């Protein structure tokens, strides 16, 4: 029995999906001041005012070095910016966890 079959049999999500959900939860906690980060440039918000939610849209820095391309802040920007407003504006951490269970995150896993 292969990995996908075992996951389906046990009713579990893949490790990539679980890691991605943890990354999104950390991003939510940093943005909503649930976790204190002392570096002010950890997550940079976009200054573009044409977007649907300029308050929570993250800016993705361009990088030519692979070490920087796969760093947390570069990795989470596309996922976070594509989430629905209901997920991003969740009232609590438990609420965003419930909402993330309804989101299809498979397209962000390689």
N, C-alpha and C. Protein backbone atom coordinates (compact mmCIF):
# COMPACT_ATOMS: atom_id res chain seq x y z
N UNK A 1 0.84 -1.17 0.00
CA UNK A 1 0.00 0.00 0.00
C UNK A 1 0.89 1.24 0.00
N UNK A 2 0.66 2.13 -0.95
CA UNK A 2 1.47 3.33 -1.08
C UNK A 2 1.05 4.44 -0.13
N UNK A 3 1.82 5.51 -0.14
CA UNK A 3 1.57 6.64 0.75
C UNK A 3 0.19 7.26 0.55
N UNK A 4 -0.24 7.58 -0.69
CA UNK A 4 -1.58 8.17 -0.86
C UNK A 4 -2.70 7.23 -0.40
N UNK A 5 -2.53 5.94 -0.63
CA UNK A 5 -3.56 4.99 -0.21
C UNK A 5 -3.65 4.91 1.32
N UNK A 6 -2.48 4.93 1.98
CA UNK A 6 -2.48 4.90 3.44
C UNK A 6 -3.12 6.15 4.03
N UNK A 7 -2.82 7.32 3.43
CA UNK A 7 -3.43 8.56 3.89
C UNK A 7 -4.94 8.52 3.73
N UNK A 8 -5.40 8.04 2.58
CA UNK A 8 -6.84 7.95 2.34
C UNK A 8 -7.49 6.96 3.31
N UNK A 9 -6.84 5.85 3.55
CA UNK A 9 -7.38 4.83 4.46
C UNK A 9 -7.48 5.36 5.89
N UNK A 10 -6.49 6.14 6.32
CA UNK A 10 -6.48 6.68 7.67
C UNK A 10 -7.22 8.01 7.80
N UNK A 11 -7.60 8.61 6.66
CA UNK A 11 -8.30 9.89 6.68
C UNK A 11 -7.41 11.05 7.06
N UNK A 12 -6.14 10.99 6.65
CA UNK A 12 -5.18 12.05 6.98
C UNK A 12 -4.82 12.86 5.75
N UNK A 13 -4.25 14.04 6.00
CA UNK A 13 -3.73 14.87 4.92
C UNK A 13 -2.25 14.58 4.73
N UNK A 14 -1.74 14.93 3.56
CA UNK A 14 -0.32 14.70 3.31
C UNK A 14 0.53 15.65 4.15
N UNK A 15 1.80 15.31 4.28
CA UNK A 15 2.72 16.13 5.06
C UNK A 15 2.87 17.52 4.45
N UNK A 16 2.86 17.61 3.13
CA UNK A 16 2.99 18.91 2.47
C UNK A 16 1.81 19.82 2.80
N UNK A 17 0.61 19.26 2.81
CA UNK A 17 -0.58 20.05 3.14
C UNK A 17 -0.52 20.50 4.60
N UNK A 18 -0.13 19.62 5.49
CA UNK A 18 -0.04 19.98 6.90
C UNK A 18 1.01 21.07 7.13
N UNK A 19 2.14 20.98 6.44
CA UNK A 19 3.18 22.02 6.55
C UNK A 19 2.68 23.36 6.02
N UNK A 20 1.97 23.32 4.90
CA UNK A 20 1.44 24.54 4.31
C UNK A 20 0.41 25.19 5.23
N UNK A 21 -0.43 24.39 5.86
CA UNK A 21 -1.40 24.94 6.81
C UNK A 21 -0.69 25.57 8.00
N UNK A 22 0.36 24.95 8.48
CA UNK A 22 1.14 25.53 9.59
C UNK A 22 1.79 26.85 9.18
N UNK A 23 2.28 26.92 7.94
CA UNK A 23 2.86 28.17 7.43
C UNK A 23 1.81 29.27 7.37
N UNK A 24 0.62 28.94 6.90
CA UNK A 24 -0.46 29.92 6.82
C UNK A 24 -0.87 30.38 8.21
N UNK A 25 -0.95 29.44 9.14
CA UNK A 25 -1.30 29.80 10.52
C UNK A 25 -0.26 30.73 11.13
N UNK A 26 1.01 30.47 10.88
CA UNK A 26 2.06 31.35 11.39
C UNK A 26 1.94 32.74 10.78
N UNK A 27 1.67 32.81 9.50
CA UNK A 27 1.50 34.10 8.83
C UNK A 27 0.31 34.85 9.44
N UNK A 28 -0.78 34.16 9.68
CA UNK A 28 -1.95 34.78 10.33
C UNK A 28 -1.57 35.31 11.71
N UNK A 29 -0.85 34.52 12.48
CA UNK A 29 -0.47 34.93 13.84
C UNK A 29 0.45 36.14 13.83
N UNK A 30 1.36 36.21 12.86
CA UNK A 30 2.27 37.36 12.77
C UNK A 30 1.51 38.61 12.36
N UNK A 31 0.64 38.48 11.36
CA UNK A 31 -0.10 39.65 10.86
C UNK A 31 -1.05 40.19 11.92
N UNK A 32 -1.70 39.31 12.66
CA UNK A 32 -2.69 39.73 13.66
C UNK A 32 -2.08 39.85 15.07
N UNK A 33 -0.76 39.95 15.14
CA UNK A 33 -0.02 40.21 16.40
C UNK A 33 -0.28 39.17 17.48
N UNK A 34 -0.44 37.92 17.08
CA UNK A 34 -0.55 36.82 18.04
C UNK A 34 0.83 36.28 18.40
N UNK A 35 1.82 36.54 17.52
CA UNK A 35 3.21 36.16 17.74
C UNK A 35 4.05 37.42 17.53
N UNK A 36 4.97 37.65 18.41
CA UNK A 36 5.80 38.85 18.32
C UNK A 36 7.06 38.52 17.52
N UNK A 37 7.26 39.25 16.44
CA UNK A 37 8.46 39.15 15.61
C UNK A 37 9.18 40.48 15.71
N UNK A 38 10.43 40.47 16.08
CA UNK A 38 11.17 41.70 16.30
C UNK A 38 11.73 42.32 15.02
N UNK A 39 11.84 41.53 13.96
CA UNK A 39 12.32 42.05 12.68
C UNK A 39 11.15 42.67 11.94
N UNK A 40 11.22 43.96 11.68
CA UNK A 40 10.11 44.65 11.04
C UNK A 40 9.94 44.30 9.57
N UNK A 41 10.96 43.75 8.94
CA UNK A 41 10.88 43.40 7.52
C UNK A 41 10.55 41.93 7.31
N UNK A 42 10.09 41.24 8.32
CA UNK A 42 9.79 39.81 8.18
C UNK A 42 8.69 39.60 7.14
N UNK A 43 7.56 40.26 7.30
CA UNK A 43 6.49 40.25 6.30
C UNK A 43 6.26 41.68 5.88
N UNK A 44 6.33 41.93 4.58
CA UNK A 44 6.17 43.28 4.06
C UNK A 44 4.84 43.34 3.32
N UNK A 45 4.02 44.31 3.67
CA UNK A 45 2.72 44.46 3.02
C UNK A 45 2.87 45.23 1.73
N UNK A 46 2.04 44.89 0.76
CA UNK A 46 2.05 45.55 -0.52
C UNK A 46 1.46 46.95 -0.38
N UNK A 47 2.03 47.92 -1.10
CA UNK A 47 1.53 49.29 -1.05
C UNK A 47 0.56 49.57 -2.19
N UNK A 48 0.31 48.60 -3.03
CA UNK A 48 -0.62 48.78 -4.15
C UNK A 48 -2.03 48.94 -3.61
N UNK A 49 -2.72 49.97 -4.03
CA UNK A 49 -4.07 50.22 -3.50
C UNK A 49 -5.17 49.75 -4.45
N UNK A 50 -4.82 49.04 -5.51
CA UNK A 50 -5.80 48.58 -6.49
C UNK A 50 -6.36 47.21 -6.10
N UNK A 51 -5.71 46.52 -5.21
CA UNK A 51 -6.12 45.16 -4.86
C UNK A 51 -7.39 45.15 -4.05
N UNK A 52 -7.98 44.00 -3.90
CA UNK A 52 -9.24 43.88 -3.16
C UNK A 52 -9.04 44.05 -1.67
N UNK A 53 -7.88 43.72 -1.14
CA UNK A 53 -7.61 43.91 0.29
C UNK A 53 -6.18 44.39 0.50
N UNK A 54 -5.95 45.67 0.30
CA UNK A 54 -4.58 46.16 0.43
C UNK A 54 -4.04 46.05 1.85
N UNK A 55 -4.91 45.89 2.84
CA UNK A 55 -4.47 45.82 4.22
C UNK A 55 -3.66 44.55 4.50
N UNK A 56 -4.01 43.43 3.88
CA UNK A 56 -3.38 42.15 4.18
C UNK A 56 -2.60 41.55 3.02
N UNK A 57 -2.48 42.23 1.89
CA UNK A 57 -1.75 41.69 0.76
C UNK A 57 -0.25 41.80 1.02
N UNK A 58 0.45 40.68 0.86
CA UNK A 58 1.89 40.65 1.12
C UNK A 58 2.69 40.92 -0.14
N UNK A 59 3.80 41.58 0.03
CA UNK A 59 4.71 41.87 -1.08
C UNK A 59 5.76 40.77 -1.15
N UNK A 60 5.98 40.26 -2.34
CA UNK A 60 6.97 39.20 -2.55
C UNK A 60 8.23 39.81 -3.15
N UNK A 61 9.33 39.67 -2.45
CA UNK A 61 10.61 40.18 -2.93
C UNK A 61 11.14 39.28 -4.05
N UNK A 62 11.75 39.90 -5.04
CA UNK A 62 12.38 39.15 -6.13
C UNK A 62 13.76 38.69 -5.68
N UNK A 63 14.08 37.44 -6.00
CA UNK A 63 15.38 36.91 -5.61
C UNK A 63 15.92 35.99 -6.69
N UNK A 64 17.22 36.09 -6.94
CA UNK A 64 17.88 35.21 -7.89
C UNK A 64 18.57 34.03 -7.22
N UNK A 65 18.64 34.06 -5.91
CA UNK A 65 19.32 33.02 -5.15
C UNK A 65 18.28 32.04 -4.62
N UNK A 66 18.51 30.74 -4.84
CA UNK A 66 17.54 29.73 -4.41
C UNK A 66 17.32 29.72 -2.91
N UNK A 67 18.34 30.03 -2.14
CA UNK A 67 18.19 30.04 -0.69
C UNK A 67 17.14 31.07 -0.26
N UNK A 68 17.08 32.17 -0.98
CA UNK A 68 16.08 33.20 -0.66
C UNK A 68 14.73 32.90 -1.27
N UNK A 69 14.71 32.25 -2.42
CA UNK A 69 13.44 31.92 -3.08
C UNK A 69 12.58 30.99 -2.25
N UNK A 70 13.20 30.10 -1.52
CA UNK A 70 12.46 29.10 -0.76
C UNK A 70 12.38 29.43 0.73
N UNK A 71 12.74 30.64 1.10
CA UNK A 71 12.61 31.08 2.48
C UNK A 71 11.12 31.27 2.78
N UNK A 72 10.77 31.22 4.04
CA UNK A 72 9.37 31.25 4.46
C UNK A 72 8.60 32.42 3.86
N UNK A 73 9.15 33.63 3.95
CA UNK A 73 8.40 34.81 3.50
C UNK A 73 8.15 34.80 1.99
N UNK A 74 9.06 34.26 1.21
CA UNK A 74 8.84 34.15 -0.23
C UNK A 74 7.88 33.01 -0.57
N UNK A 75 7.94 31.97 0.20
CA UNK A 75 7.13 30.78 -0.05
C UNK A 75 5.66 31.02 0.29
N UNK A 76 5.36 31.83 1.28
CA UNK A 76 3.99 31.98 1.75
C UNK A 76 3.23 33.09 1.03
N UNK A 77 3.91 34.01 0.37
CA UNK A 77 3.25 35.17 -0.24
C UNK A 77 2.16 34.79 -1.24
N UNK A 78 2.47 33.93 -2.18
CA UNK A 78 1.49 33.57 -3.21
C UNK A 78 0.28 32.87 -2.59
N UNK A 79 0.53 32.01 -1.65
CA UNK A 79 -0.56 31.28 -1.00
C UNK A 79 -1.43 32.24 -0.21
N UNK A 80 -0.81 33.08 0.60
CA UNK A 80 -1.55 34.01 1.45
C UNK A 80 -2.37 34.99 0.61
N UNK A 81 -1.78 35.52 -0.47
CA UNK A 81 -2.48 36.49 -1.30
C UNK A 81 -3.64 35.88 -2.07
N UNK A 82 -3.63 34.58 -2.27
CA UNK A 82 -4.72 33.94 -3.01
C UNK A 82 -5.85 33.45 -2.11
N UNK A 83 -5.67 33.51 -0.80
CA UNK A 83 -6.72 33.07 0.10
C UNK A 83 -7.91 34.03 0.07
N UNK A 84 -9.09 33.47 0.32
CA UNK A 84 -10.32 34.26 0.32
C UNK A 84 -10.32 35.21 1.52
N UNK A 85 -11.04 36.31 1.39
CA UNK A 85 -11.11 37.31 2.46
C UNK A 85 -11.63 36.74 3.78
N UNK A 86 -12.55 35.79 3.70
CA UNK A 86 -13.09 35.19 4.92
C UNK A 86 -12.01 34.47 5.72
N UNK A 87 -11.07 33.85 5.02
CA UNK A 87 -9.99 33.12 5.70
C UNK A 87 -9.00 34.11 6.29
N UNK A 88 -8.62 35.10 5.53
CA UNK A 88 -7.62 36.07 5.98
C UNK A 88 -8.14 36.91 7.14
N UNK A 89 -9.43 37.22 7.13
CA UNK A 89 -10.03 38.06 8.17
C UNK A 89 -10.67 37.24 9.28
N UNK A 90 -10.26 36.01 9.46
CA UNK A 90 -10.84 35.15 10.50
C UNK A 90 -10.68 35.79 11.87
N UNK A 91 -11.64 35.51 12.74
CA UNK A 91 -11.66 36.15 14.05
C UNK A 91 -10.64 35.57 15.03
N UNK A 92 -10.30 34.30 14.85
CA UNK A 92 -9.37 33.66 15.79
C UNK A 92 -8.58 32.57 15.08
N UNK A 93 -7.62 32.01 15.79
CA UNK A 93 -6.79 30.95 15.23
C UNK A 93 -7.63 29.69 14.99
N UNK A 94 -8.53 29.39 15.89
CA UNK A 94 -9.39 28.21 15.69
C UNK A 94 -10.32 28.40 14.51
N UNK A 95 -10.77 29.63 14.29
CA UNK A 95 -11.64 29.91 13.14
C UNK A 95 -10.88 29.73 11.83
N UNK A 96 -9.64 30.20 11.76
CA UNK A 96 -8.88 30.04 10.52
C UNK A 96 -8.52 28.58 10.29
N UNK A 97 -8.31 27.81 11.35
CA UNK A 97 -8.06 26.38 11.17
C UNK A 97 -9.26 25.68 10.55
N UNK A 98 -10.46 26.02 11.03
CA UNK A 98 -11.67 25.43 10.45
C UNK A 98 -11.85 25.85 9.00
N UNK A 99 -11.57 27.10 8.70
CA UNK A 99 -11.72 27.60 7.33
C UNK A 99 -10.69 26.99 6.39
N UNK A 100 -9.48 26.75 6.89
CA UNK A 100 -8.44 26.15 6.04
C UNK A 100 -8.77 24.71 5.67
N UNK A 101 -9.57 24.03 6.48
CA UNK A 101 -9.97 22.67 6.13
C UNK A 101 -10.85 22.64 4.89
N UNK A 102 -11.49 23.76 4.58
CA UNK A 102 -12.37 23.85 3.40
C UNK A 102 -11.65 24.32 2.14
N UNK A 103 -10.43 24.82 2.30
CA UNK A 103 -9.67 25.36 1.16
C UNK A 103 -8.85 24.26 0.51
N UNK A 104 -8.83 24.23 -0.83
CA UNK A 104 -8.03 23.25 -1.56
C UNK A 104 -6.61 23.79 -1.72
N UNK A 105 -5.68 23.24 -0.97
CA UNK A 105 -4.30 23.71 -0.99
C UNK A 105 -3.38 22.80 -1.81
N UNK A 106 -3.94 21.82 -2.48
CA UNK A 106 -3.14 20.87 -3.26
C UNK A 106 -2.40 21.56 -4.40
N UNK A 107 -2.97 22.61 -4.96
CA UNK A 107 -2.33 23.28 -6.10
C UNK A 107 -1.04 24.00 -5.71
N UNK A 108 -0.84 24.22 -4.41
CA UNK A 108 0.38 24.89 -3.95
C UNK A 108 1.46 23.90 -3.55
N UNK A 109 1.16 22.62 -3.55
CA UNK A 109 2.14 21.60 -3.21
C UNK A 109 2.79 21.09 -4.48
N UNK A 110 4.08 20.95 -4.46
CA UNK A 110 4.79 20.48 -5.67
C UNK A 110 4.92 18.99 -5.70
